[in-house]
Amino acid sequence: MTKKLIENVDYYFNDKGLMVFTEKYHTERGHCCQSGCLHCPYEFSKKVDPSIPSELQNPWTQSEEDELEIYDGPIDE
């Protein structure tokens, strides 16, 4: 059975009308979704560079010496 979420306990709506999950919700969920959530108890949001698209970064496995190679050529189909 899925637990029903409670507004202002598990989530709230910010000034832009977007739903924001609380630290309590993330802790009870039990794992990090790696989306850079505002209230992430796993500190993932502190490892994310907002100027880089999330698809191109993984702060759990990349070290500062690693370089990301981007292929910008044609795609063979």
PDB file of N, CA and C in Angstrom:
ATOM      1  N   MET A   1       0.843  -1.188   0.000  1.00  0.00           N
ATOM      2  CA  MET A   1       0.000   0.000   0.000  1.00  0.00           C
ATOM      3  C   MET A   1       0.885   1.247   0.000  1.00  0.00           C
ATOM      4  N   THR A   2       0.507   2.214  -0.773  1.00  0.00           N
ATOM      5  CA  THR A   2       1.273   3.453  -0.895  1.00  0.00           C
ATOM      6  C   THR A   2       0.771   4.473   0.126  1.00  0.00           C
ATOM      7  N   LYS A   3       1.722   5.121   0.797  1.00  0.00           N
ATOM      8  CA  LYS A   3       1.371   6.132   1.786  1.00  0.00           C
ATOM      9  C   LYS A   3       0.876   7.399   1.092  1.00  0.00           C
ATOM     10  N   LYS A   4      -0.183   7.977   1.598  1.00  0.00           N
ATOM     11  CA  LYS A   4      -0.702   9.237   1.056  1.00  0.00           C
ATOM     12  C   LYS A   4       0.168  10.393   1.557  1.00  0.00           C
ATOM     13  N   LEU A   5       0.563  11.261   0.633  1.00  0.00           N
ATOM     14  CA  LEU A   5       1.406  12.400   0.988  1.00  0.00           C
ATOM     15  C   LEU A   5       0.584  13.484   1.667  1.00  0.00           C
ATOM     16  N   ILE A   6       1.197  14.142   2.641  1.00  0.00           N
ATOM     17  CA  ILE A   6       0.526  15.191   3.410  1.00  0.00           C
ATOM     18  C   ILE A   6       1.183  16.528   3.094  1.00  0.00           C
ATOM     19  N   GLU A   7       0.357  17.481   2.636  1.00  0.00           N
ATOM     20  CA  GLU A   7       0.875  18.811   2.308  1.00  0.00           C
ATOM     21  C   GLU A   7       1.445  19.474   3.556  1.00  0.00           C
ATOM     22  N   ASN A   8       2.547  20.193   3.392  1.00  0.00           N
ATOM     23  CA  ASN A   8       3.297  20.896   4.440  1.00  0.00           C
ATOM     24  C   ASN A   8       3.998  19.951   5.412  1.00  0.00           C
ATOM     25  N   VAL A   9       3.933  18.651   5.160  1.00  0.00           N
ATOM     26  CA  VAL A   9       4.706  17.669   5.920  1.00  0.00           C
ATOM     27  C   VAL A   9       5.653  16.951   4.963  1.00  0.00           C
ATOM     28  N   ASP A  10       5.087  16.376   3.914  1.00  0.00           N
ATOM     29  CA  ASP A  10       5.880  15.665   2.912  1.00  0.00           C
ATOM     30  C   ASP A  10       6.265  16.565   1.736  1.00  0.00           C
ATOM     31  N   TYR A  11       5.502  17.603   1.493  1.00  0.00           N
ATOM     32  CA  TYR A  11       5.753  18.504   0.376  1.00  0.00           C
ATOM     33  C   TYR A  11       5.078  19.847   0.636  1.00  0.00           C
ATOM     34  N   TYR A  12       5.471  20.836  -0.167  1.00  0.00           N
ATOM     35  CA  TYR A  12       4.806  22.138  -0.154  1.00  0.00           C
ATOM     36  C   TYR A  12       4.908  22.717  -1.560  1.00  0.00           C
ATOM     37  N   PHE A  13       4.176  23.775  -1.830  1.00  0.00           N
ATOM     38  CA  PHE A  13       4.241  24.446  -3.121  1.00  0.00           C
ATOM     39  C   PHE A  13       5.031  25.742  -2.967  1.00  0.00           C
ATOM     40  N   ASN A  14       6.025  25.946  -3.847  1.00  0.00           N
ATOM     41  CA  ASN A  14       6.835  27.161  -3.765  1.00  0.00           C
ATOM     42  C   ASN A  14       6.115  28.342  -4.428  1.00  0.00           C
ATOM     43  N   ASP A  15       6.800  29.486  -4.500  1.00  0.00           N
ATOM     44  CA  ASP A  15       6.200  30.710  -5.058  1.00  0.00           C
ATOM     45  C   ASP A  15       5.798  30.570  -6.521  1.00  0.00           C
ATOM     46  N   LYS A  16       6.437  29.641  -7.227  1.00  0.00           N
ATOM     47  CA  LYS A  16       6.117  29.427  -8.645  1.00  0.00           C
ATOM     48  C   LYS A  16       5.030  28.371  -8.832  1.00  0.00           C
ATOM     49  N   GLY A  17       4.525  27.831  -7.718  1.00  0.00           N
ATOM     50  CA  GLY A  17       3.475  26.826  -7.795  1.00  0.00           C
ATOM     51  C   GLY A  17       3.981  25.411  -8.013  1.00  0.00           C
ATOM     52  N   LEU A  18       5.289  25.211  -7.886  1.00  0.00           N
ATOM     53  CA  LEU A  18       5.873  23.887  -8.079  1.00  0.00           C
ATOM     54  C   LEU A  18       5.902  23.117  -6.760  1.00  0.00           C
ATOM     55  N   MET A  19       5.675  21.810  -6.830  1.00  0.00           N
ATOM     56  CA  MET A  19       5.714  20.965  -5.641  1.00  0.00           C
ATOM     57  C   MET A  19       7.166  20.710  -5.246  1.00  0.00           C
ATOM     58  N   VAL A  20       7.479  20.910  -3.971  1.00  0.00           N
ATOM     59  CA  VAL A  20       8.823  20.698  -3.449  1.00  0.00           C
ATOM     60  C   VAL A  20       8.722  19.682  -2.315  1.00  0.00           C
ATOM     61  N   PHE A  21       9.462  18.574  -2.435  1.00  0.00           N
ATOM     62  CA  PHE A  21       9.446  17.560  -1.383  1.00  0.00           C
ATOM     63  C   PHE A  21      10.336  17.988  -0.225  1.00  0.00           C
ATOM     64  N   THR A  22       9.914  17.649   0.986  1.00  0.00           N
ATOM     65  CA  THR A  22      10.651  18.016   2.193  1.00  0.00           C
ATOM     66  C   THR A  22      11.743  16.988   2.494  1.00  0.00           C
ATOM     67  N   GLU A  23      12.633  17.328   3.394  1.00  0.00           N
ATOM     68  CA  GLU A  23      13.683  16.408   3.829  1.00  0.00           C
ATOM     69  C   GLU A  23      13.066  15.165   4.455  1.00  0.00           C
ATOM     70  N   LYS A  24      11.983  15.341   5.187  1.00  0.00           N
ATOM     71  CA  LYS A  24      11.277  14.213   5.809  1.00  0.00           C
ATOM     72  C   LYS A  24      10.835  13.216   4.747  1.00  0.00           C
ATOM     73  N   TYR A  25      10.259  13.706   3.662  1.00  0.00           N
ATOM     74  CA  TYR A  25       9.816  12.821   2.577  1.00  0.00           C
ATOM     75  C   TYR A  25      10.998  12.041   1.995  1.00  0.00           C
ATOM     76  N   HIS A  26      12.089  12.767   1.691  1.00  0.00           N
ATOM     77  CA  HIS A  26      13.252  12.109   1.094  1.00  0.00           C
ATOM     78  C   HIS A  26      13.852  11.065   2.035  1.00  0.00           C
ATOM     79  N   THR A  27      13.918  11.366   3.314  1.00  0.00           N
ATOM     80  CA  THR A  27      14.465  10.433   4.293  1.00  0.00           C
ATOM     81  C   THR A  27      13.612   9.169   4.355  1.00  0.00           C
ATOM     82  N   GLU A  28      12.293   9.320   4.393  1.00  0.00           N
ATOM     83  CA  GLU A  28      11.400   8.164   4.444  1.00  0.00           C
ATOM     84  C   GLU A  28      11.446   7.368   3.146  1.00  0.00           C
ATOM     85  N   ARG A  29      11.702   8.038   2.035  1.00  0.00           N
ATOM     86  CA  ARG A  29      11.811   7.353   0.749  1.00  0.00           C
ATOM     87  C   ARG A  29      12.984   6.378   0.773  1.00  0.00           C
ATOM     88  N   GLY A  30      14.065   6.785   1.435  1.00  0.00           N
ATOM     89  CA  GLY A  30      15.167   5.867   1.683  1.00  0.00           C
ATOM     90  C   GLY A  30      16.294   5.836   0.668  1.00  0.00           C
ATOM     91  N   HIS A  31      16.208   6.613  -0.404  1.00  0.00           N
ATOM     92  CA  HIS A  31      17.308   6.656  -1.363  1.00  0.00           C
ATOM     93  C   HIS A  31      17.289   7.979  -2.125  1.00  0.00           C
ATOM     94  N   CYS A  32      18.419   8.296  -2.732  1.00  0.00           N
ATOM     95  CA  CYS A  32      18.555   9.541  -3.488  1.00  0.00           C
ATOM     96  C   CYS A  32      18.136   9.309  -4.934  1.00  0.00           C
ATOM     97  N   CYS A  33      17.326  10.212  -5.472  1.00  0.00           N
ATOM     98  CA  CYS A  33      16.883  10.108  -6.866  1.00  0.00           C
ATOM     99  C   CYS A  33      17.866  10.813  -7.808  1.00  0.00           C
ATOM    100  N   GLN A  34      18.868  11.481  -7.262  1.00  0.00           N
ATOM    101  CA  GLN A  34      19.914  12.184  -8.009  1.00  0.00           C
ATOM    102  C   GLN A  34      19.361  13.257  -8.933  1.00  0.00           C
ATOM    103  N   SER A  35      18.346  13.975  -8.464  1.00  0.00           N
ATOM    104  CA  SER A  35      17.767  15.067  -9.248  1.00  0.00           C
ATOM    105  C   SER A  35      18.190  16.436  -8.743  1.00  0.00           C
ATOM    106  N   GLY A  36      18.995  16.492  -7.689  1.00  0.00           N
ATOM    107  CA  GLY A  36      19.430  17.773  -7.143  1.00  0.00           C
ATOM    108  C   GLY A  36      18.341  18.469  -6.351  1.00  0.00           C
ATOM    109  N   CYS A  37      17.522  17.707  -5.645  1.00  0.00           N
ATOM    110  CA  CYS A  37      16.390  18.264  -4.890  1.00  0.00           C
ATOM    111  C   CYS A  37      16.845  19.284  -3.843  1.00  0.00           C
ATOM    112  N   LEU A  38      16.016  20.285  -3.628  1.00  0.00           N
ATOM    113  CA  LEU A  38      16.322  21.374  -2.706  1.00  0.00           C
ATOM    114  C   LEU A  38      16.600  20.879  -1.288  1.00  0.00           C
ATOM    115  N   HIS A  39      15.818  19.923  -0.804  1.00  0.00           N
ATOM    116  CA  HIS A  39      15.941  19.441   0.579  1.00  0.00           C
ATOM    117  C   HIS A  39      16.547  18.044   0.653  1.00  0.00           C
ATOM    118  N   CYS A  40      17.476  17.733  -0.230  1.00  0.00           N
ATOM    119  CA  CYS A  40      18.071  16.393  -0.287  1.00  0.00           C
ATOM    120  C   CYS A  40      18.892  16.110   0.978  1.00  0.00           C
ATOM    121  N   PRO A  41      18.513  15.080   1.769  1.00  0.00           N
ATOM    122  CA  PRO A  41      19.292  14.750   2.966  1.00  0.00           C
ATOM    123  C   PRO A  41      20.585  14.006   2.632  1.00  0.00           C
ATOM    124  N   TYR A  42      20.738  13.601   1.376  1.00  0.00           N
ATOM    125  CA  TYR A  42      21.919  12.862   0.941  1.00  0.00           C
ATOM    126  C   TYR A  42      22.984  13.790   0.364  1.00  0.00           C
ATOM    127  N   GLU A  43      22.750  15.095   0.421  1.00  0.00           N
ATOM    128  CA  GLU A  43      23.678  16.150  -0.009  1.00  0.00           C
ATOM    129  C   GLU A  43      24.006  16.090  -1.495  1.00  0.00           C
ATOM    130  N   PHE A  44      23.148  15.459  -2.294  1.00  0.00           N
ATOM    131  CA  PHE A  44      23.380  15.400  -3.733  1.00  0.00           C
ATOM    132  C   PHE A  44      23.315  16.787  -4.351  1.00  0.00           C
ATOM    133  N   SER A  45      22.394  17.643  -3.870  1.00  0.00           N
ATOM    134  CA  SER A  45      22.233  18.979  -4.456  1.00  0.00           C
ATOM    135  C   SER A  45      23.491  19.829  -4.297  1.00  0.00           C
ATOM    136  N   LYS A  46      24.336  19.523  -3.320  1.00  0.00           N
ATOM    137  CA  LYS A  46      25.571  20.282  -3.131  1.00  0.00           C
ATOM    138  C   LYS A  46      26.648  19.846  -4.114  1.00  0.00           C
ATOM    139  N   LYS A  47      26.445  18.684  -4.774  1.00  0.00           N
ATOM    140  CA  LYS A  47      27.425  18.160  -5.704  1.00  0.00           C
ATOM    141  C   LYS A  47      27.067  18.451  -7.153  1.00  0.00           C
ATOM    142  N   VAL A  48      25.920  19.067  -7.399  1.00  0.00           N
ATOM    143  CA  VAL A  48      25.433  19.312  -8.752  1.00  0.00           C
ATOM    144  C   VAL A  48      25.789  20.726  -9.195  1.00  0.00           C
ATOM    145  N   ASP A  49      26.316  20.859 -10.412  1.00  0.00           N
ATOM    146  CA  ASP A  49      26.606  22.167 -11.001  1.00  0.00           C
ATOM    147  C   ASP A  49      25.408  22.549 -11.867  1.00  0.00           C
ATOM    148  N   PRO A  50      24.615  23.559 -11.464  1.00  0.00           N
ATOM    149  CA  PRO A  50      23.407  23.897 -12.210  1.00  0.00           C
ATOM    150  C   PRO A  50      23.660  24.403 -13.620  1.00  0.00           C
ATOM    151  N   SER A  51      24.903  24.749 -13.957  1.00  0.00           N
ATOM    152  CA  SER A  51      25.192  25.227 -15.309  1.00  0.00           C
ATOM    153  C   SER A  51      25.427  24.081 -16.299  1.00  0.00           C
ATOM    154  N   ILE A  52      25.497  22.843 -15.782  1.00  0.00           N
ATOM    155  CA  ILE A  52      25.707  21.671 -16.631  1.00  0.00           C
ATOM    156  C   ILE A  52      24.439  20.826 -16.596  1.00  0.00           C
ATOM    157  N   PRO A  53      23.909  20.431 -17.765  1.00  0.00           N
ATOM    158  CA  PRO A  53      22.711  19.584 -17.778  1.00  0.00           C
ATOM    159  C   PRO A  53      22.937  18.304 -16.968  1.00  0.00           C
ATOM    160  N   SER A  54      21.915  17.880 -16.242  1.00  0.00           N
ATOM    161  CA  SER A  54      22.048  16.722 -15.361  1.00  0.00           C
ATOM    162  C   SER A  54      22.438  15.454 -16.108  1.00  0.00           C
ATOM    163  N   GLU A  55      22.079  15.352 -17.396  1.00  0.00           N
ATOM    164  CA  GLU A  55      22.433  14.168 -18.174  1.00  0.00           C
ATOM    165  C   GLU A  55      23.938  14.045 -18.388  1.00  0.00           C
ATOM    166  N   LEU A  56      24.654  15.157 -18.264  1.00  0.00           N
ATOM    167  CA  LEU A  56      26.087  15.157 -18.531  1.00  0.00           C
ATOM    168  C   LEU A  56      26.943  15.107 -17.273  1.00  0.00           C
ATOM    169  N   GLN A  57      26.320  15.003 -16.119  1.00  0.00           N
ATOM    170  CA  GLN A  57      27.115  14.949 -14.899  1.00  0.00           C
ATOM    171  C   GLN A  57      26.594  13.874 -13.960  1.00  0.00           C
ATOM    172  N   ASN A  58      27.508  13.243 -13.272  1.00  0.00           N
ATOM    173  CA  ASN A  58      27.176  12.275 -12.245  1.00  0.00           C
ATOM    174  C   ASN A  58      28.192  12.451 -11.120  1.00  0.00           C
ATOM    175  N   PRO A  59      27.878  13.278 -10.147  1.00  0.00           N
ATOM    176  CA  PRO A  59      28.848  13.595  -9.099  1.00  0.00           C
ATOM    177  C   PRO A  59      29.191  12.417  -8.203  1.00  0.00           C
ATOM    178  N   TRP A  60      28.465  11.312  -8.296  1.00  0.00           N
ATOM    179  CA  TRP A  60      28.783  10.148  -7.466  1.00  0.00           C
ATOM    180  C   TRP A  60      29.977   9.389  -8.022  1.00  0.00           C
ATOM    181  N   THR A  61      30.201   9.456  -9.334  1.00  0.00           N
ATOM    182  CA  THR A  61      31.271   8.655  -9.920  1.00  0.00           C
ATOM    183  C   THR A  61      32.374   9.481 -10.563  1.00  0.00           C
ATOM    184  N   GLN A  62      32.122  10.715 -10.946  1.00  0.00           N
ATOM    185  CA  GLN A  62      33.141  11.523 -11.618  1.00  0.00           C
ATOM    186  C   GLN A  62      34.066  12.186 -10.613  1.00  0.00           C
ATOM    187  N   SER A  63      35.343  12.126 -10.907  1.00  0.00           N
ATOM    188  CA  SER A  63      36.291  12.885 -10.096  1.00  0.00           C
ATOM    189  C   SER A  63      36.648  14.143 -10.862  1.00  0.00           C
ATOM    190  N   GLU A  64      37.342  15.042 -10.219  1.00  0.00           N
ATOM    191  CA  GLU A  64      37.690  16.305 -10.864  1.00  0.00           C
ATOM    192  C   GLU A  64      38.656  16.107 -12.026  1.00  0.00           C
ATOM    193  N   GLU A  65      39.447  15.009 -12.011  1.00  0.00           N
ATOM    194  CA  GLU A  65      40.392  14.754 -13.094  1.00  0.00           C
ATOM    195  C   GLU A  65      39.704  14.185 -14.326  1.00  0.00           C
ATOM    196  N   ASP A  66      38.523  13.577 -14.160  1.00  0.00           N
ATOM    197  CA  ASP A  66      37.811  12.972 -15.290  1.00  0.00           C
ATOM    198  C   ASP A  66      37.332  14.048 -16.250  1.00  0.00           C
ATOM    199  N   GLU A  67      37.473  13.752 -17.539  1.00  0.00           N
ATOM    200  CA  GLU A  67      36.944  14.647 -18.550  1.00  0.00           C
ATOM    201  C   GLU A  67      35.813  13.940 -19.263  1.00  0.00           C
ATOM    202  N   LEU A  68      34.785  14.666 -19.577  1.00  0.00           N
ATOM    203  CA  LEU A  68      33.648  14.133 -20.288  1.00  0.00           C
ATOM    204  C   LEU A  68      33.850  14.365 -21.773  1.00  0.00           C
ATOM    205  N   GLU A  69      33.874  13.288 -22.543  1.00  0.00           N
ATOM    206  CA  GLU A  69      34.037  13.411 -23.982  1.00  0.00           C
ATOM    207  C   GLU A  69      32.671  13.519 -24.630  1.00  0.00           C
ATOM    208  N   ILE A  70      32.461  14.565 -25.396  1.00  0.00           N
ATOM    209  CA  ILE A  70      31.184  14.793 -26.065  1.00  0.00           C
ATOM    210  C   ILE A  70      31.389  14.640 -27.560  1.00  0.00           C
ATOM    211  N   TYR A  71      30.602  13.748 -28.169  1.00  0.00           N
ATOM    212  CA  TYR A  71      30.666  13.524 -29.602  1.00  0.00           C
ATOM    213  C   TYR A  71      29.635  14.429 -30.262  1.00  0.00           C
ATOM    214  N   ASP A  72      30.099  15.271 -31.190  1.00  0.00           N
ATOM    215  CA  ASP A  72      29.206  16.215 -31.847  1.00  0.00           C
ATOM    216  C   ASP A  72      29.180  15.968 -33.358  1.00  0.00           C
ATOM    217  N   GLY A  73      29.222  14.695 -33.725  1.00  0.00           N
ATOM    218  CA  GLY A  73      29.242  14.352 -35.145  1.00  0.00           C
ATOM    219  C   GLY A  73      27.907  13.749 -35.582  1.00  0.00           C
ATOM    220  N   PRO A  74      27.838  13.282 -36.798  1.00  0.00           N
ATOM    221  CA  PRO A  74      26.602  12.700 -37.304  1.00  0.00           C
ATOM    222  C   PRO A  74      26.299  11.362 -36.616  1.00  0.00           C
ATOM    223  N   ILE A  75      25.031  11.036 -36.585  1.00  0.00           N
ATOM    224  CA  ILE A  75      24.579   9.783 -35.985  1.00  0.00           C
ATOM    225  C   ILE A  75      24.232   8.823 -37.103  1.00  0.00           C
ATOM    226  N   ASP A  76      24.875   7.653 -37.125  1.00  0.00           N
ATOM    227  CA  ASP A  76      24.581   6.635 -38.126  1.00  0.00           C
ATOM    228  C   ASP A  76      23.326   5.886 -37.719  1.00  0.00           C
ATOM    229  N   GLU A  77      22.405   5.780 -38.650  1.00  0.00           N
ATOM    230  CA  GLU A  77      21.168   5.066 -38.335  1.00  0.00           C
ATOM    231  C   GLU A  77      21.059   3.809 -39.149  1.00  0.00           C
TER     232      GLU A  77
END
